[in-house]
Amino acid sequence: MPATKTSHVINLLNVSKATVCRIKKHDDGEDIKDRPQSGRPTKLSPETAKKAFFADPRMSMSEIVKKKGVCKKAVSNAIRAAGGKSHKLIARPLLTQHQENICLGLGRRF
């Protein structure tokens, strides 16, 4: 990006000189995504969450929370970052009692 005069930027964007100088001071020409991130690093990486779910797909989020010692939100964020979705596991039988009776009744006839 070519260097521009401060006065030109002030007139173009209608901002104060202090704002332009502050931004120029911190602008070193590299993309924001290339800069190191601030803040505490995550305790659970997306790869770790992905491995845990591939090892046992029926494992619930609360079981991972207990196993890894992290909060539920960290597990949820790691799963989402790995490209997955968290669903609540519903434990229910494959057949209802009525369906079982029908199947058993058909088996007796033949």
PDB file of N, CA and C in Angstrom:
ATOM      1  N   MET A   1       0.854  -1.173   0.000  1.00  0.00           N
ATOM      2  CA  MET A   1       0.000   0.000   0.000  1.00  0.00           C
ATOM      3  C   MET A   1       0.897   1.232   0.000  1.00  0.00           C
ATOM      4  N   PRO A   2       0.701   2.153  -0.927  1.00  0.00           N
ATOM      5  CA  PRO A   2       1.556   3.337  -0.997  1.00  0.00           C
ATOM      6  C   PRO A   2       1.311   4.255   0.203  1.00  0.00           C
ATOM      7  N   ALA A   3       2.369   4.896   0.623  1.00  0.00           N
ATOM      8  CA  ALA A   3       2.271   5.820   1.753  1.00  0.00           C
ATOM      9  C   ALA A   3       1.498   7.062   1.326  1.00  0.00           C
ATOM     10  N   THR A   4       0.601   7.510   2.200  1.00  0.00           N
ATOM     11  CA  THR A   4      -0.181   8.713   1.916  1.00  0.00           C
ATOM     12  C   THR A   4       0.064   9.726   3.011  1.00  0.00           C
ATOM     13  N   LYS A   5      -0.153  10.978   2.668  1.00  0.00           N
ATOM     14  CA  LYS A   5       0.037  12.032   3.659  1.00  0.00           C
ATOM     15  C   LYS A   5      -1.072  11.983   4.690  1.00  0.00           C
ATOM     16  N   THR A   6      -0.723  12.335   5.894  1.00  0.00           N
ATOM     17  CA  THR A   6      -1.687  12.324   6.995  1.00  0.00           C
ATOM     18  C   THR A   6      -2.835  13.283   6.723  1.00  0.00           C
ATOM     19  N   SER A   7      -2.541  14.433   6.187  1.00  0.00           N
ATOM     20  CA  SER A   7      -3.591  15.424   5.926  1.00  0.00           C
ATOM     21  C   SER A   7      -4.585  14.909   4.877  1.00  0.00           C
ATOM     22  N   HIS A   8      -4.083  14.150   3.897  1.00  0.00           N
ATOM     23  CA  HIS A   8      -4.969  13.603   2.877  1.00  0.00           C
ATOM     24  C   HIS A   8      -5.933  12.582   3.498  1.00  0.00           C
ATOM     25  N   VAL A   9      -5.422  11.747   4.390  1.00  0.00           N
ATOM     26  CA  VAL A   9      -6.254  10.738   5.058  1.00  0.00           C
ATOM     27  C   VAL A   9      -7.271  11.412   5.976  1.00  0.00           C
ATOM     28  N   ILE A  10      -6.852  12.457   6.690  1.00  0.00           N
ATOM     29  CA  ILE A  10      -7.760  13.186   7.583  1.00  0.00           C
ATOM     30  C   ILE A  10      -8.936  13.758   6.791  1.00  0.00           C
ATOM     31  N   ASN A  11      -8.647  14.391   5.657  1.00  0.00           N
ATOM     32  CA  ASN A  11      -9.709  14.975   4.835  1.00  0.00           C
ATOM     33  C   ASN A  11     -10.590  13.908   4.182  1.00  0.00           C
ATOM     34  N   LEU A  12      -9.975  12.821   3.765  1.00  0.00           N
ATOM     35  CA  LEU A  12     -10.705  11.769   3.070  1.00  0.00           C
ATOM     36  C   LEU A  12     -11.671  11.031   4.004  1.00  0.00           C
ATOM     37  N   LEU A  13     -11.218  10.701   5.209  1.00  0.00           N
ATOM     38  CA  LEU A  13     -12.032   9.928   6.146  1.00  0.00           C
ATOM     39  C   LEU A  13     -12.766  10.774   7.180  1.00  0.00           C
ATOM     40  N   ASN A  14     -12.450  12.054   7.235  1.00  0.00           N
ATOM     41  CA  ASN A  14     -13.064  12.972   8.185  1.00  0.00           C
ATOM     42  C   ASN A  14     -12.876  12.497   9.629  1.00  0.00           C
ATOM     43  N   VAL A  15     -11.603  12.214   9.976  1.00  0.00           N
ATOM     44  CA  VAL A  15     -11.244  11.811  11.342  1.00  0.00           C
ATOM     45  C   VAL A  15     -10.165  12.745  11.855  1.00  0.00           C
ATOM     46  N   SER A  16      -9.882  12.642  13.138  1.00  0.00           N
ATOM     47  CA  SER A  16      -8.887  13.529  13.732  1.00  0.00           C
ATOM     48  C   SER A  16      -7.469  13.078  13.393  1.00  0.00           C
ATOM     49  N   LYS A  17      -6.517  13.994  13.573  1.00  0.00           N
ATOM     50  CA  LYS A  17      -5.111  13.696  13.301  1.00  0.00           C
ATOM     51  C   LYS A  17      -4.604  12.627  14.265  1.00  0.00           C
ATOM     52  N   ALA A  18      -5.082  12.670  15.517  1.00  0.00           N
ATOM     53  CA  ALA A  18      -4.645  11.694  16.520  1.00  0.00           C
ATOM     54  C   ALA A  18      -5.050  10.269  16.109  1.00  0.00           C
ATOM     55  N   THR A  19      -6.244  10.135  15.546  1.00  0.00           N
ATOM     56  CA  THR A  19      -6.721   8.813  15.109  1.00  0.00           C
ATOM     57  C   THR A  19      -5.839   8.272  13.986  1.00  0.00           C
ATOM     58  N   VAL A  20      -5.521   9.112  13.011  1.00  0.00           N
ATOM     59  CA  VAL A  20      -4.693   8.687  11.878  1.00  0.00           C
ATOM     60  C   VAL A  20      -3.289   8.325  12.354  1.00  0.00           C
ATOM     61  N   CYS A  21      -2.720   9.113  13.237  1.00  0.00           N
ATOM     62  CA  CYS A  21      -1.372   8.839  13.740  1.00  0.00           C
ATOM     63  C   CYS A  21      -1.347   7.549  14.569  1.00  0.00           C
ATOM     64  N   ARG A  22      -2.384   7.323  15.343  1.00  0.00           N
ATOM     65  CA  ARG A  22      -2.448   6.106  16.171  1.00  0.00           C
ATOM     66  C   ARG A  22      -2.523   4.862  15.280  1.00  0.00           C
ATOM     67  N   ILE A  23      -3.301   4.940  14.216  1.00  0.00           N
ATOM     68  CA  ILE A  23      -3.430   3.791  13.308  1.00  0.00           C
ATOM     69  C   ILE A  23      -2.137   3.581  12.526  1.00  0.00           C
ATOM     70  N   LYS A  24      -1.515   4.656  12.064  1.00  0.00           N
ATOM     71  CA  LYS A  24      -0.252   4.530  11.331  1.00  0.00           C
ATOM     72  C   LYS A  24       0.845   3.954  12.223  1.00  0.00           C
ATOM     73  N   LYS A  25       0.810   4.294  13.500  1.00  0.00           N
ATOM     74  CA  LYS A  25       1.822   3.821  14.438  1.00  0.00           C
ATOM     75  C   LYS A  25       1.751   2.300  14.581  1.00  0.00           C
ATOM     76  N   HIS A  26       0.535   1.737  14.579  1.00  0.00           N
ATOM     77  CA  HIS A  26       0.361   0.301  14.771  1.00  0.00           C
ATOM     78  C   HIS A  26       0.335  -0.481  13.463  1.00  0.00           C
ATOM     79  N   ASP A  27       0.275   0.204  12.339  1.00  0.00           N
ATOM     80  CA  ASP A  27       0.210  -0.479  11.049  1.00  0.00           C
ATOM     81  C   ASP A  27       1.622  -0.788  10.583  1.00  0.00           C
ATOM     82  N   ASP A  28       1.935  -2.093  10.507  1.00  0.00           N
ATOM     83  CA  ASP A  28       3.258  -2.486  10.039  1.00  0.00           C
ATOM     84  C   ASP A  28       3.182  -3.197   8.687  1.00  0.00           C
ATOM     85  N   GLY A  29       2.017  -3.143   8.039  1.00  0.00           N
ATOM     86  CA  GLY A  29       1.880  -3.691   6.703  1.00  0.00           C
ATOM     87  C   GLY A  29       1.493  -5.152   6.630  1.00  0.00           C
ATOM     88  N   GLU A  30       1.423  -5.839   7.765  1.00  0.00           N
ATOM     89  CA  GLU A  30       1.039  -7.251   7.703  1.00  0.00           C
ATOM     90  C   GLU A  30      -0.440  -7.413   8.028  1.00  0.00           C
ATOM     91  N   ASP A  31      -1.003  -8.497   7.570  1.00  0.00           N
ATOM     92  CA  ASP A  31      -2.416  -8.763   7.764  1.00  0.00           C
ATOM     93  C   ASP A  31      -2.701  -9.076   9.239  1.00  0.00           C
ATOM     94  N   ILE A  32      -3.879  -8.730   9.701  1.00  0.00           N
ATOM     95  CA  ILE A  32      -4.246  -8.962  11.097  1.00  0.00           C
ATOM     96  C   ILE A  32      -4.264 -10.459  11.410  1.00  0.00           C
ATOM     97  N   LYS A  33      -4.657 -11.285  10.440  1.00  0.00           N
ATOM     98  CA  LYS A  33      -4.716 -12.732  10.667  1.00  0.00           C
ATOM     99  C   LYS A  33      -3.334 -13.331  10.893  1.00  0.00           C
ATOM    100  N   ASP A  34      -2.279 -12.664  10.404  1.00  0.00           N
ATOM    101  CA  ASP A  34      -0.921 -13.172  10.565  1.00  0.00           C
ATOM    102  C   ASP A  34      -0.337 -12.854  11.935  1.00  0.00           C
ATOM    103  N   ARG A  35      -0.948 -11.934  12.644  1.00  0.00           N
ATOM    104  CA  ARG A  35      -0.436 -11.542  13.958  1.00  0.00           C
ATOM    105  C   ARG A  35      -0.765 -12.593  15.006  1.00  0.00           C
ATOM    106  N   PRO A  36       0.068 -12.704  16.036  1.00  0.00           N
ATOM    107  CA  PRO A  36      -0.251 -13.650  17.105  1.00  0.00           C
ATOM    108  C   PRO A  36      -1.492 -13.192  17.869  1.00  0.00           C
ATOM    109  N   GLN A  37      -2.283 -14.138  18.302  1.00  0.00           N
ATOM    110  CA  GLN A  37      -3.522 -13.794  18.994  1.00  0.00           C
ATOM    111  C   GLN A  37      -3.237 -13.471  20.452  1.00  0.00           C
ATOM    112  N   SER A  38      -4.008 -12.545  20.967  1.00  0.00           N
ATOM    113  CA  SER A  38      -3.865 -12.211  22.370  1.00  0.00           C
ATOM    114  C   SER A  38      -4.823 -13.068  23.180  1.00  0.00           C
ATOM    115  N   GLY A  39      -4.610 -13.126  24.467  1.00  0.00           N
ATOM    116  CA  GLY A  39      -5.503 -13.881  25.332  1.00  0.00           C
ATOM    117  C   GLY A  39      -4.986 -15.270  25.623  1.00  0.00           C
ATOM    118  N   ARG A  40      -5.710 -15.928  26.472  1.00  0.00           N
ATOM    119  CA  ARG A  40      -5.321 -17.258  26.914  1.00  0.00           C
ATOM    120  C   ARG A  40      -5.594 -18.281  25.797  1.00  0.00           C
ATOM    121  N   PRO A  41      -4.644 -19.170  25.537  1.00  0.00           N
ATOM    122  CA  PRO A  41      -4.898 -20.187  24.516  1.00  0.00           C
ATOM    123  C   PRO A  41      -5.942 -21.194  24.990  1.00  0.00           C
ATOM    124  N   THR A  42      -6.617 -21.834  24.042  1.00  0.00           N
ATOM    125  CA  THR A  42      -7.647 -22.789  24.402  1.00  0.00           C
ATOM    126  C   THR A  42      -7.025 -24.033  25.018  1.00  0.00           C
ATOM    127  N   LYS A  43      -7.757 -24.642  25.943  1.00  0.00           N
ATOM    128  CA  LYS A  43      -7.267 -25.845  26.599  1.00  0.00           C
ATOM    129  C   LYS A  43      -7.544 -27.092  25.769  1.00  0.00           C
ATOM    130  N   LEU A  44      -8.524 -27.010  24.893  1.00  0.00           N
ATOM    131  CA  LEU A  44      -8.932 -28.164  24.107  1.00  0.00           C
ATOM    132  C   LEU A  44      -8.894 -27.794  22.631  1.00  0.00           C
ATOM    133  N   SER A  45      -7.996 -28.422  21.893  1.00  0.00           N
ATOM    134  CA  SER A  45      -7.890 -28.105  20.472  1.00  0.00           C
ATOM    135  C   SER A  45      -8.973 -28.840  19.688  1.00  0.00           C
ATOM    136  N   PRO A  46      -9.333 -28.324  18.516  1.00  0.00           N
ATOM    137  CA  PRO A  46     -10.335 -29.011  17.691  1.00  0.00           C
ATOM    138  C   PRO A  46      -9.908 -30.432  17.315  1.00  0.00           C
ATOM    139  N   GLU A  47      -8.597 -30.635  17.115  1.00  0.00           N
ATOM    140  CA  GLU A  47      -8.108 -31.969  16.760  1.00  0.00           C
ATOM    141  C   GLU A  47      -8.345 -32.958  17.896  1.00  0.00           C
ATOM    142  N   THR A  48      -8.123 -32.528  19.139  1.00  0.00           N
ATOM    143  CA  THR A  48      -8.334 -33.389  20.300  1.00  0.00           C
ATOM    144  C   THR A  48      -9.808 -33.756  20.434  1.00  0.00           C
ATOM    145  N   ALA A  49     -10.678 -32.784  20.239  1.00  0.00           N
ATOM    146  CA  ALA A  49     -12.119 -33.056  20.323  1.00  0.00           C
ATOM    147  C   ALA A  49     -12.551 -34.005  19.218  1.00  0.00           C
ATOM    148  N   LYS A  50     -11.998 -33.823  18.022  1.00  0.00           N
ATOM    149  CA  LYS A  50     -12.339 -34.683  16.887  1.00  0.00           C
ATOM    150  C   LYS A  50     -11.898 -36.124  17.163  1.00  0.00           C
ATOM    151  N   LYS A  51     -10.680 -36.293  17.697  1.00  0.00           N
ATOM    152  CA  LYS A  51     -10.178 -37.635  18.015  1.00  0.00           C
ATOM    153  C   LYS A  51     -11.042 -38.307  19.071  1.00  0.00           C
ATOM    154  N   ALA A  52     -11.465 -37.533  20.072  1.00  0.00           N
ATOM    155  CA  ALA A  52     -12.293 -38.093  21.143  1.00  0.00           C
ATOM    156  C   ALA A  52     -13.629 -38.580  20.602  1.00  0.00           C
ATOM    157  N   PHE A  53     -14.210 -37.831  19.687  1.00  0.00           N
ATOM    158  CA  PHE A  53     -15.503 -38.237  19.146  1.00  0.00           C
ATOM    159  C   PHE A  53     -15.382 -39.368  18.133  1.00  0.00           C
ATOM    160  N   PHE A  54     -14.273 -39.435  17.402  1.00  0.00           N
ATOM    161  CA  PHE A  54     -14.090 -40.559  16.495  1.00  0.00           C
ATOM    162  C   PHE A  54     -13.792 -41.846  17.267  1.00  0.00           C
ATOM    163  N   ALA A  55     -13.123 -41.711  18.398  1.00  0.00           N
ATOM    164  CA  ALA A  55     -12.838 -42.882  19.220  1.00  0.00           C
ATOM    165  C   ALA A  55     -14.123 -43.479  19.782  1.00  0.00           C
ATOM    166  N   ASP A  56     -15.037 -42.624  20.239  1.00  0.00           N
ATOM    167  CA  ASP A  56     -16.317 -43.090  20.779  1.00  0.00           C
ATOM    168  C   ASP A  56     -17.398 -42.083  20.387  1.00  0.00           C
ATOM    169  N   PRO A  57     -18.063 -42.293  19.237  1.00  0.00           N
ATOM    170  CA  PRO A  57     -19.049 -41.319  18.749  1.00  0.00           C
ATOM    171  C   PRO A  57     -20.254 -41.151  19.666  1.00  0.00           C
ATOM    172  N   ARG A  58     -20.526 -42.108  20.516  1.00  0.00           N
ATOM    173  CA  ARG A  58     -21.687 -42.002  21.393  1.00  0.00           C
ATOM    174  C   ARG A  58     -21.346 -41.281  22.708  1.00  0.00           C
ATOM    175  N   MET A  59     -20.109 -40.833  22.848  1.00  0.00           N
ATOM    176  CA  MET A  59     -19.699 -40.141  24.070  1.00  0.00           C
ATOM    177  C   MET A  59     -20.389 -38.781  24.142  1.00  0.00           C
ATOM    178  N   SER A  60     -20.953 -38.473  25.286  1.00  0.00           N
ATOM    179  CA  SER A  60     -21.655 -37.198  25.432  1.00  0.00           C
ATOM    180  C   SER A  60     -20.663 -36.077  25.732  1.00  0.00           C
ATOM    181  N   MET A  61     -21.137 -34.857  25.568  1.00  0.00           N
ATOM    182  CA  MET A  61     -20.292 -33.701  25.822  1.00  0.00           C
ATOM    183  C   MET A  61     -19.906 -33.633  27.298  1.00  0.00           C
ATOM    184  N   SER A  62     -20.841 -34.014  28.189  1.00  0.00           N
ATOM    185  CA  SER A  62     -20.514 -33.972  29.615  1.00  0.00           C
ATOM    186  C   SER A  62     -19.442 -34.984  29.982  1.00  0.00           C
ATOM    187  N   GLU A  63     -19.417 -36.124  29.272  1.00  0.00           N
ATOM    188  CA  GLU A  63     -18.363 -37.109  29.538  1.00  0.00           C
ATOM    189  C   GLU A  63     -16.994 -36.576  29.118  1.00  0.00           C
ATOM    190  N   ILE A  64     -16.944 -35.851  28.006  1.00  0.00           N
ATOM    191  CA  ILE A  64     -15.677 -35.253  27.573  1.00  0.00           C
ATOM    192  C   ILE A  64     -15.245 -34.174  28.558  1.00  0.00           C
ATOM    193  N   VAL A  65     -16.221 -33.406  29.058  1.00  0.00           N
ATOM    194  CA  VAL A  65     -15.918 -32.357  30.039  1.00  0.00           C
ATOM    195  C   VAL A  65     -15.262 -32.980  31.267  1.00  0.00           C
ATOM    196  N   LYS A  66     -15.829 -34.084  31.761  1.00  0.00           N
ATOM    197  CA  LYS A  66     -15.264 -34.751  32.938  1.00  0.00           C
ATOM    198  C   LYS A  66     -13.896 -35.355  32.626  1.00  0.00           C
ATOM    199  N   LYS A  67     -13.774 -35.952  31.445  1.00  0.00           N
ATOM    200  CA  LYS A  67     -12.543 -36.643  31.070  1.00  0.00           C
ATOM    201  C   LYS A  67     -11.376 -35.673  30.866  1.00  0.00           C
ATOM    202  N   LYS A  68     -11.643 -34.552  30.197  1.00  0.00           N
ATOM    203  CA  LYS A  68     -10.586 -33.590  29.867  1.00  0.00           C
ATOM    204  C   LYS A  68     -10.399 -32.501  30.922  1.00  0.00           C
ATOM    205  N   GLY A  69     -11.394 -32.328  31.787  1.00  0.00           N
ATOM    206  CA  GLY A  69     -11.274 -31.307  32.831  1.00  0.00           C
ATOM    207  C   GLY A  69     -11.403 -29.883  32.309  1.00  0.00           C
ATOM    208  N   VAL A  70     -12.234 -29.687  31.297  1.00  0.00           N
ATOM    209  CA  VAL A  70     -12.467 -28.349  30.750  1.00  0.00           C
ATOM    210  C   VAL A  70     -13.952 -28.033  30.864  1.00  0.00           C
ATOM    211  N   CYS A  71     -14.320 -26.787  30.583  1.00  0.00           N
ATOM    212  CA  CYS A  71     -15.722 -26.410  30.683  1.00  0.00           C
ATOM    213  C   CYS A  71     -16.481 -26.858  29.434  1.00  0.00           C
ATOM    214  N   LYS A  72     -17.800 -26.907  29.552  1.00  0.00           N
ATOM    215  CA  LYS A  72     -18.665 -27.388  28.469  1.00  0.00           C
ATOM    216  C   LYS A  72     -18.568 -26.487  27.240  1.00  0.00           C
ATOM    217  N   LYS A  73     -18.415 -25.195  27.459  1.00  0.00           N
ATOM    218  CA  LYS A  73     -18.317 -24.247  26.357  1.00  0.00           C
ATOM    219  C   LYS A  73     -17.043 -24.485  25.546  1.00  0.00           C
ATOM    220  N   ALA A  74     -15.947 -24.854  26.210  1.00  0.00           N
ATOM    221  CA  ALA A  74     -14.694 -25.132  25.507  1.00  0.00           C
ATOM    222  C   ALA A  74     -14.848 -26.348  24.601  1.00  0.00           C
ATOM    223  N   VAL A  75     -15.557 -27.370  25.089  1.00  0.00           N
ATOM    224  CA  VAL A  75     -15.805 -28.564  24.275  1.00  0.00           C
ATOM    225  C   VAL A  75     -16.691 -28.209  23.090  1.00  0.00           C
ATOM    226  N   SER A  76     -17.732 -27.437  23.338  1.00  0.00           N
ATOM    227  CA  SER A  76     -18.647 -27.028  22.276  1.00  0.00           C
ATOM    228  C   SER A  76     -17.920 -26.222  21.205  1.00  0.00           C
ATOM    229  N   ASN A  77     -17.071 -25.290  21.624  1.00  0.00           N
ATOM    230  CA  ASN A  77     -16.312 -24.472  20.672  1.00  0.00           C
ATOM    231  C   ASN A  77     -15.347 -25.328  19.856  1.00  0.00           C
ATOM    232  N   ALA A  78     -14.692 -26.297  20.510  1.00  0.00           N
ATOM    233  CA  ALA A  78     -13.740 -27.157  19.811  1.00  0.00           C
ATOM    234  C   ALA A  78     -14.450 -28.029  18.783  1.00  0.00           C
ATOM    235  N   ILE A  79     -15.631 -28.526  19.135  1.00  0.00           N
ATOM    236  CA  ILE A  79     -16.398 -29.352  18.199  1.00  0.00           C
ATOM    237  C   ILE A  79     -16.822 -28.523  16.998  1.00  0.00           C
ATOM    238  N   ARG A  80     -17.294 -27.313  17.258  1.00  0.00           N
ATOM    239  CA  ARG A  80     -17.719 -26.437  16.172  1.00  0.00           C
ATOM    240  C   ARG A  80     -16.537 -26.063  15.283  1.00  0.00           C
ATOM    241  N   ALA A  81     -15.364 -25.828  15.891  1.00  0.00           N
ATOM    242  CA  ALA A  81     -14.176 -25.477  15.114  1.00  0.00           C
ATOM    243  C   ALA A  81     -13.699 -26.649  14.261  1.00  0.00           C
ATOM    244  N   ALA A  82     -13.971 -27.880  14.724  1.00  0.00           N
ATOM    245  CA  ALA A  82     -13.585 -29.070  13.966  1.00  0.00           C
ATOM    246  C   ALA A  82     -14.582 -29.380  12.861  1.00  0.00           C
ATOM    247  N   GLY A  83     -15.657 -28.601  12.784  1.00  0.00           N
ATOM    248  CA  GLY A  83     -16.640 -28.801  11.727  1.00  0.00           C
ATOM    249  C   GLY A  83     -17.785 -29.703  12.116  1.00  0.00           C
ATOM    250  N   GLY A  84     -17.951 -29.955  13.394  1.00  0.00           N
ATOM    251  CA  GLY A  84     -19.022 -30.833  13.848  1.00  0.00           C
ATOM    252  C   GLY A  84     -20.148 -30.065  14.492  1.00  0.00           C
ATOM    253  N   LYS A  85     -21.193 -30.794  14.824  1.00  0.00           N
ATOM    254  CA  LYS A  85     -22.323 -30.231  15.541  1.00  0.00           C
ATOM    255  C   LYS A  85     -22.550 -31.071  16.777  1.00  0.00           C
ATOM    256  N   SER A  86     -22.968 -30.432  17.825  1.00  0.00           N
ATOM    257  CA  SER A  86     -23.259 -31.194  19.034  1.00  0.00           C
ATOM    258  C   SER A  86     -24.758 -31.443  19.098  1.00  0.00           C
ATOM    259  N   HIS A  87     -25.114 -32.688  19.236  1.00  0.00           N
ATOM    260  CA  HIS A  87     -26.510 -33.088  19.342  1.00  0.00           C
ATOM    261  C   HIS A  87     -26.711 -33.807  20.655  1.00  0.00           C
ATOM    262  N   LYS A  88     -27.877 -33.650  21.208  1.00  0.00           N
ATOM    263  CA  LYS A  88     -28.193 -34.350  22.434  1.00  0.00           C
ATOM    264  C   LYS A  88     -28.566 -35.789  22.077  1.00  0.00           C
ATOM    265  N   LEU A  89     -27.930 -36.750  22.744  1.00  0.00           N
ATOM    266  CA  LEU A  89     -28.188 -38.149  22.493  1.00  0.00           C
ATOM    267  C   LEU A  89     -29.494 -38.541  23.167  1.00  0.00           C
ATOM    268  N   ILE A  90     -30.403 -39.085  22.370  1.00  0.00           N
ATOM    269  CA  ILE A  90     -31.686 -39.523  22.911  1.00  0.00           C
ATOM    270  C   ILE A  90     -31.657 -41.039  22.960  1.00  0.00           C
ATOM    271  N   ALA A  91     -31.728 -41.571  24.164  1.00  0.00           N
ATOM    272  CA  ALA A  91     -31.706 -43.020  24.326  1.00  0.00           C
ATOM    273  C   ALA A  91     -33.141 -43.525  24.254  1.00  0.00           C
ATOM    274  N   ARG A  92     -33.443 -44.273  23.203  1.00  0.00           N
ATOM    275  CA  ARG A  92     -34.770 -44.846  23.061  1.00  0.00           C
ATOM    276  C   ARG A  92     -34.631 -46.176  22.324  1.00  0.00           C
ATOM    277  N   PRO A  93     -35.573 -47.070  22.540  1.00  0.00           N
ATOM    278  CA  PRO A  93     -35.481 -48.376  21.888  1.00  0.00           C
ATOM    279  C   PRO A  93     -35.695 -48.250  20.382  1.00  0.00           C
ATOM    280  N   LEU A  94     -35.160 -49.233  19.658  1.00  0.00           N
ATOM    281  CA  LEU A  94     -35.309 -49.211  18.201  1.00  0.00           C
ATOM    282  C   LEU A  94     -36.755 -49.471  17.786  1.00  0.00           C
ATOM    283  N   LEU A  95     -37.434 -50.339  18.523  1.00  0.00           N
ATOM    284  CA  LEU A  95     -38.832 -50.647  18.233  1.00  0.00           C
ATOM    285  C   LEU A  95     -39.691 -50.331  19.452  1.00  0.00           C
ATOM    286  N   THR A  96     -40.897 -49.860  19.197  1.00  0.00           N
ATOM    287  CA  THR A  96     -41.831 -49.646  20.300  1.00  0.00           C
ATOM    288  C   THR A  96     -42.412 -51.002  20.706  1.00  0.00           C
ATOM    289  N   GLN A  97     -43.090 -51.034  21.817  1.00  0.00           N
ATOM    290  CA  GLN A  97     -43.691 -52.276  22.285  1.00  0.00           C
ATOM    291  C   GLN A  97     -44.719 -52.791  21.276  1.00  0.00           C
ATOM    292  N   HIS A  98     -45.482 -51.896  20.697  1.00  0.00           N
ATOM    293  CA  HIS A  98     -46.482 -52.273  19.690  1.00  0.00           C
ATOM    294  C   HIS A  98     -45.808 -52.909  18.466  1.00  0.00           C
ATOM    295  N   GLN A  99     -44.706 -52.323  18.004  1.00  0.00           N
ATOM    296  CA  GLN A  99     -43.989 -52.862  16.851  1.00  0.00           C
ATOM    297  C   GLN A  99     -43.397 -54.242  17.163  1.00  0.00           C
ATOM    298  N   GLU A 100     -42.886 -54.410  18.387  1.00  0.00           N
ATOM    299  CA  GLU A 100     -42.348 -55.713  18.782  1.00  0.00           C
ATOM    300  C   GLU A 100     -43.443 -56.772  18.770  1.00  0.00           C
ATOM    301  N   ASN A 101     -44.619 -56.420  19.262  1.00  0.00           N
ATOM    302  CA  ASN A 101     -45.738 -57.375  19.280  1.00  0.00           C
ATOM    303  C   ASN A 101     -46.139 -57.768  17.864  1.00  0.00           C
ATOM    304  N   ILE A 102     -46.133 -56.814  16.945  1.00  0.00           N
ATOM    305  CA  ILE A 102     -46.475 -57.103  15.559  1.00  0.00           C
ATOM    306  C   ILE A 102     -45.445 -58.056  14.953  1.00  0.00           C
ATOM    307  N   CYS A 103     -44.174 -57.760  15.177  1.00  0.00           N
ATOM    308  CA  CYS A 103     -43.117 -58.622  14.628  1.00  0.00           C
ATOM    309  C   CYS A 103     -43.179 -60.021  15.219  1.00  0.00           C
ATOM    310  N   LEU A 104     -43.406 -60.127  16.504  1.00  0.00           N
ATOM    311  CA  LEU A 104     -43.505 -61.446  17.143  1.00  0.00           C
ATOM    312  C   LEU A 104     -44.735 -62.191  16.644  1.00  0.00           C
ATOM    313  N   GLY A 105     -45.821 -61.485  16.412  1.00  0.00           N
ATOM    314  CA  GLY A 105     -47.043 -62.106  15.907  1.00  0.00           C
ATOM    315  C   GLY A 105     -46.850 -62.627  14.499  1.00  0.00           C
ATOM    316  N   LEU A 106     -46.102 -61.871  13.647  1.00  0.00           N
ATOM    317  CA  LEU A 106     -45.853 -62.318  12.275  1.00  0.00           C
ATOM    318  C   LEU A 106     -44.957 -63.538  12.256  1.00  0.00           C
ATOM    319  N   GLY A 107     -44.032 -63.613  13.163  1.00  0.00           N
ATOM    320  CA  GLY A 107     -43.108 -64.736  13.217  1.00  0.00           C
ATOM    321  C   GLY A 107     -43.808 -66.018  13.580  1.00  0.00           C
ATOM    322  N   ARG A 108     -44.829 -65.951  14.362  1.00  0.00           N
ATOM    323  CA  ARG A 108     -45.546 -67.159  14.787  1.00  0.00           C
ATOM    324  C   ARG A 108     -46.386 -67.740  13.666  1.00  0.00           C
ATOM    325  N   ARG A 109     -46.889 -66.874  12.786  1.00  0.00           N
ATOM    326  CA  ARG A 109     -47.760 -67.341  11.711  1.00  0.00           C
ATOM    327  C   ARG A 109     -46.999 -68.156  10.661  1.00  0.00           C
ATOM    328  N   PHE A 110     -45.766 -67.813  10.417  1.00  0.00           N
ATOM    329  CA  PHE A 110     -45.039 -68.488   9.332  1.00  0.00           C
ATOM    330  C   PHE A 110     -44.362 -69.686   9.833  1.00  0.00           C
TER     331      PHE A 110
END
